[in-house]
Amino acid sequence: MRIFGRPRTAYAHCDLPCGVYDPAQARIEAESCYKIMEKYKASNDPVFKERAIAIKEERAELVKHHLDVLWHDYFKPEHLEKFPELHEIFWKAAKQVSAVKASVDMAEGQKLLDMIDKVDEMWRKTGGPEKTRVPSSAKKAA
């Protein structure tokens, strides 16, 4: 009977793991939060504002997910040696996501973007783009 039951939902970046990591995923979702806050403030429509809050919270959860994947799957002990502040930056970024969820203050959104930029800098300095991304055809031809 179990084969006819409700399928289970699995939550993961990749089940292999695939080895593809990029802070850009978190940043795009954080930018969405920021822009939603901007549109929220510009609107007088209560229905729009309610939808904006719901969507902002969904996007913020995705930010947290993408940061967690980077933190737990990409960064290794040797990266921590190079960046002793790595755990603190990720911890603060996760807390900042919660602040963004609880607010429509664009300054909170900007703080999150700035934190993701710090994560991106560490990712780049540990070889992230070369180690985890497939070069585009345009870059190969150049």
C-alpha atoms as a PDB file:
ATOM      1  CA  MET A   1       0.000   0.000   0.000  1.00  0.00           C
ATOM      2  CA  ARG A   2       2.930   2.312   0.607  1.00  0.00           C
ATOM      3  CA  ILE A   3       3.609   2.660  -3.119  1.00  0.00           C
ATOM      4  CA  PHE A   4       0.191   4.276  -3.508  1.00  0.00           C
ATOM      5  CA  GLY A   5       0.625   6.547  -0.525  1.00  0.00           C
ATOM      6  CA  ARG A   6       1.522  10.200  -0.581  1.00  0.00           C
ATOM      7  CA  PRO A   7       5.066  10.788  -1.885  1.00  0.00           C
ATOM      8  CA  ARG A   8       7.570  12.071   0.629  1.00  0.00           C
ATOM      9  CA  THR A   9       9.137  15.453   0.064  1.00  0.00           C
ATOM     10  CA  ALA A  10      12.913  15.566   0.196  1.00  0.00           C
ATOM     11  CA  TYR A  11      14.654  18.847   0.972  1.00  0.00           C
ATOM     12  CA  ALA A  12      18.157  19.174  -0.397  1.00  0.00           C
ATOM     13  CA  HIS A  13      20.187  21.275  -2.777  1.00  0.00           C
ATOM     14  CA  CYS A  14      21.211  18.112  -4.539  1.00  0.00           C
ATOM     15  CA  ASP A  15      20.950  14.463  -3.617  1.00  0.00           C
ATOM     16  CA  LEU A  16      24.414  13.508  -4.910  1.00  0.00           C
ATOM     17  CA  PRO A  17      25.767  16.166  -3.743  1.00  0.00           C
ATOM     18  CA  CYS A  18      26.453  17.614  -7.163  1.00  0.00           C
ATOM     19  CA  GLY A  19      29.210  19.993  -6.095  1.00  0.00           C
ATOM     20  CA  VAL A  20      27.607  23.076  -7.659  1.00  0.00           C
ATOM     21  CA  TYR A  21      27.571  25.957  -5.192  1.00  0.00           C
ATOM     22  CA  ASP A  22      27.248  29.698  -5.672  1.00  0.00           C
ATOM     23  CA  PRO A  23      26.228  32.490  -3.265  1.00  0.00           C
ATOM     24  CA  ALA A  24      24.469  34.116  -6.230  1.00  0.00           C
ATOM     25  CA  GLN A  25      21.452  31.921  -5.497  1.00  0.00           C
ATOM     26  CA  ALA A  26      21.133  33.411  -2.016  1.00  0.00           C
ATOM     27  CA  ARG A  27      21.791  36.926  -3.292  1.00  0.00           C
ATOM     28  CA  ILE A  28      19.089  36.776  -5.960  1.00  0.00           C
ATOM     29  CA  GLU A  29      16.527  35.748  -3.352  1.00  0.00           C
ATOM     30  CA  ALA A  30      17.778  38.468  -0.977  1.00  0.00           C
ATOM     31  CA  GLU A  31      17.499  41.026  -3.777  1.00  0.00           C
ATOM     32  CA  SER A  32      13.918  39.870  -4.267  1.00  0.00           C
ATOM     33  CA  CYS A  33      13.249  40.549  -0.574  1.00  0.00           C
ATOM     34  CA  TYR A  34      14.767  44.008  -0.900  1.00  0.00           C
ATOM     35  CA  LYS A  35      12.747  44.879  -4.010  1.00  0.00           C
ATOM     36  CA  ILE A  36       9.561  43.519  -2.442  1.00  0.00           C
ATOM     37  CA  MET A  37      10.122  45.810   0.559  1.00  0.00           C
ATOM     38  CA  GLU A  38      10.551  48.707  -1.861  1.00  0.00           C
ATOM     39  CA  LYS A  39       7.297  47.879  -3.659  1.00  0.00           C
ATOM     40  CA  TYR A  40       5.513  47.290  -0.336  1.00  0.00           C
ATOM     41  CA  LYS A  41       6.413  50.784   0.833  1.00  0.00           C
ATOM     42  CA  ALA A  42       5.261  52.320  -2.460  1.00  0.00           C
ATOM     43  CA  SER A  43       1.857  50.653  -2.388  1.00  0.00           C
ATOM     44  CA  ASN A  44      -1.374  51.635  -0.670  1.00  0.00           C
ATOM     45  CA  ASP A  45      -3.168  48.451  -1.711  1.00  0.00           C
ATOM     46  CA  PRO A  46      -3.700  46.237   1.361  1.00  0.00           C
ATOM     47  CA  VAL A  47      -4.162  43.090  -0.745  1.00  0.00           C
ATOM     48  CA  PHE A  48      -0.916  43.767  -2.607  1.00  0.00           C
ATOM     49  CA  LYS A  49       0.874  44.414   0.685  1.00  0.00           C
ATOM     50  CA  GLU A  50      -0.379  41.144   2.152  1.00  0.00           C
ATOM     51  CA  ARG A  51       0.811  39.222  -0.901  1.00  0.00           C
ATOM     52  CA  ALA A  52       4.146  41.047  -0.824  1.00  0.00           C
ATOM     53  CA  ILE A  53       4.766  39.987   2.776  1.00  0.00           C
ATOM     54  CA  ALA A  54       3.948  36.356   2.005  1.00  0.00           C
ATOM     55  CA  ILE A  55       6.241  36.306  -1.028  1.00  0.00           C
ATOM     56  CA  LYS A  56       9.037  38.105   0.868  1.00  0.00           C
ATOM     57  CA  GLU A  57       8.889  35.453   3.580  1.00  0.00           C
ATOM     58  CA  GLU A  58       9.094  32.644   0.990  1.00  0.00           C
ATOM     59  CA  ARG A  59      12.092  34.288  -0.672  1.00  0.00           C
ATOM     60  CA  ALA A  60      13.759  34.821   2.714  1.00  0.00           C
ATOM     61  CA  GLU A  61      13.408  31.113   3.499  1.00  0.00           C
ATOM     62  CA  LEU A  62      15.158  30.383   0.207  1.00  0.00           C
ATOM     63  CA  VAL A  63      17.982  32.738   1.197  1.00  0.00           C
ATOM     64  CA  LYS A  64      18.388  30.807   4.424  1.00  0.00           C
ATOM     65  CA  HIS A  65      18.326  27.509   2.550  1.00  0.00           C
ATOM     66  CA  HIS A  66      20.988  28.576   0.036  1.00  0.00           C
ATOM     67  CA  LEU A  67      23.219  29.968   2.788  1.00  0.00           C
ATOM     68  CA  ASP A  68      22.850  26.756   4.781  1.00  0.00           C
ATOM     69  CA  VAL A  69      23.830  24.660   1.754  1.00  0.00           C
ATOM     70  CA  LEU A  70      26.965  26.732   1.251  1.00  0.00           C
ATOM     71  CA  TRP A  71      27.818  26.678   4.927  1.00  0.00           C
ATOM     72  CA  HIS A  72      27.286  22.973   5.460  1.00  0.00           C
ATOM     73  CA  ASP A  73      28.187  21.467   2.098  1.00  0.00           C
ATOM     74  CA  TYR A  74      30.736  23.727   0.398  1.00  0.00           C
ATOM     75  CA  PHE A  75      32.897  25.205   3.149  1.00  0.00           C
ATOM     76  CA  LYS A  76      35.378  22.773   4.689  1.00  0.00           C
ATOM     77  CA  PRO A  77      37.756  22.880   7.694  1.00  0.00           C
ATOM     78  CA  GLU A  78      40.581  24.174   5.483  1.00  0.00           C
ATOM     79  CA  HIS A  79      38.387  27.158   4.557  1.00  0.00           C
ATOM     80  CA  LEU A  80      37.844  27.874   8.242  1.00  0.00           C
ATOM     81  CA  GLU A  81      41.604  28.047   8.682  1.00  0.00           C
ATOM     82  CA  LYS A  82      41.738  30.721   5.988  1.00  0.00           C
ATOM     83  CA  PHE A  83      38.625  32.524   7.288  1.00  0.00           C
ATOM     84  CA  PRO A  84      38.303  32.066  11.068  1.00  0.00           C
ATOM     85  CA  GLU A  85      35.234  34.337  11.040  1.00  0.00           C
ATOM     86  CA  LEU A  86      33.390  32.055   8.587  1.00  0.00           C
ATOM     87  CA  HIS A  87      30.988  30.490  11.112  1.00  0.00           C
ATOM     88  CA  GLU A  88      30.176  33.840  12.691  1.00  0.00           C
ATOM     89  CA  ILE A  89      29.417  35.431   9.311  1.00  0.00           C
ATOM     90  CA  PHE A  90      27.067  32.604   8.364  1.00  0.00           C
ATOM     91  CA  TRP A  91      25.409  32.624  11.782  1.00  0.00           C
ATOM     92  CA  LYS A  92      24.852  36.384  11.611  1.00  0.00           C
ATOM     93  CA  ALA A  93      23.584  36.107   8.018  1.00  0.00           C
ATOM     94  CA  ALA A  94      21.030  33.482   9.082  1.00  0.00           C
ATOM     95  CA  LYS A  95      19.908  35.773  11.902  1.00  0.00           C
ATOM     96  CA  GLN A  96      19.715  38.658   9.429  1.00  0.00           C
ATOM     97  CA  VAL A  97      17.402  36.606   7.220  1.00  0.00           C
ATOM     98  CA  SER A  98      15.071  36.370  10.215  1.00  0.00           C
ATOM     99  CA  ALA A  99      15.266  40.154  10.633  1.00  0.00           C
ATOM    100  CA  VAL A 100      14.313  40.579   6.974  1.00  0.00           C
ATOM    101  CA  LYS A 101      11.366  38.229   7.407  1.00  0.00           C
ATOM    102  CA  ALA A 102      10.136  40.245  10.386  1.00  0.00           C
ATOM    103  CA  SER A 103      10.492  43.659   8.775  1.00  0.00           C
ATOM    104  CA  VAL A 104       9.829  45.822   5.750  1.00  0.00           C
ATOM    105  CA  ASP A 105      12.811  48.032   6.571  1.00  0.00           C
ATOM    106  CA  MET A 106      14.967  48.196   3.463  1.00  0.00           C
ATOM    107  CA  ALA A 107      18.029  48.833   5.636  1.00  0.00           C
ATOM    108  CA  GLU A 108      17.584  45.309   7.025  1.00  0.00           C
ATOM    109  CA  GLY A 109      17.473  43.998   3.462  1.00  0.00           C
ATOM    110  CA  GLN A 110      20.649  45.883   2.597  1.00  0.00           C
ATOM    111  CA  LYS A 111      22.421  44.438   5.653  1.00  0.00           C
ATOM    112  CA  LEU A 112      21.563  40.964   4.393  1.00  0.00           C
ATOM    113  CA  LEU A 113      22.876  41.755   0.912  1.00  0.00           C
ATOM    114  CA  ASP A 114      26.114  43.041   2.438  1.00  0.00           C
ATOM    115  CA  MET A 115      26.505  39.834   4.464  1.00  0.00           C
ATOM    116  CA  ILE A 116      25.932  37.696   1.387  1.00  0.00           C
ATOM    117  CA  ASP A 117      28.612  39.729  -0.363  1.00  0.00           C
ATOM    118  CA  LYS A 118      31.031  38.733   2.444  1.00  0.00           C
ATOM    119  CA  VAL A 119      30.090  35.082   1.918  1.00  0.00           C
ATOM    120  CA  ASP A 120      30.624  35.525  -1.820  1.00  0.00           C
ATOM    121  CA  GLU A 121      34.079  37.001  -1.209  1.00  0.00           C
ATOM    122  CA  MET A 122      35.090  34.010   0.922  1.00  0.00           C
ATOM    123  CA  TRP A 123      33.647  31.616  -1.671  1.00  0.00           C
ATOM    124  CA  ARG A 124      35.649  33.282  -4.454  1.00  0.00           C
ATOM    125  CA  LYS A 125      38.859  33.310  -2.407  1.00  0.00           C
ATOM    126  CA  THR A 126      38.508  29.581  -1.729  1.00  0.00           C
ATOM    127  CA  GLY A 127      38.247  28.861  -5.463  1.00  0.00           C
ATOM    128  CA  GLY A 128      34.478  28.569  -5.509  1.00  0.00           C
ATOM    129  CA  PRO A 129      33.844  29.619  -9.108  1.00  0.00           C
ATOM    130  CA  GLU A 130      36.567  27.375 -10.507  1.00  0.00           C
ATOM    131  CA  LYS A 131      35.789  24.441  -8.221  1.00  0.00           C
ATOM    132  CA  THR A 132      32.010  24.437  -8.299  1.00  0.00           C
ATOM    133  CA  ARG A 133      30.742  25.996 -11.514  1.00  0.00           C
ATOM    134  CA  VAL A 134      30.756  24.835 -15.122  1.00  0.00           C
ATOM    135  CA  PRO A 135      32.360  27.488 -17.369  1.00  0.00           C
ATOM    136  CA  SER A 136      29.986  28.999 -19.910  1.00  0.00           C
ATOM    137  CA  SER A 137      30.593  28.371 -23.600  1.00  0.00           C
ATOM    138  CA  ALA A 138      31.275  32.075 -24.094  1.00  0.00           C
ATOM    139  CA  LYS A 139      34.134  31.957 -21.568  1.00  0.00           C
ATOM    140  CA  LYS A 140      35.571  28.823 -23.162  1.00  0.00           C
ATOM    141  CA  ALA A 141      35.621  30.482 -26.599  1.00  0.00           C
ATOM    142  CA  ALA A 142      37.388  33.618 -25.340  1.00  0.00           C
END
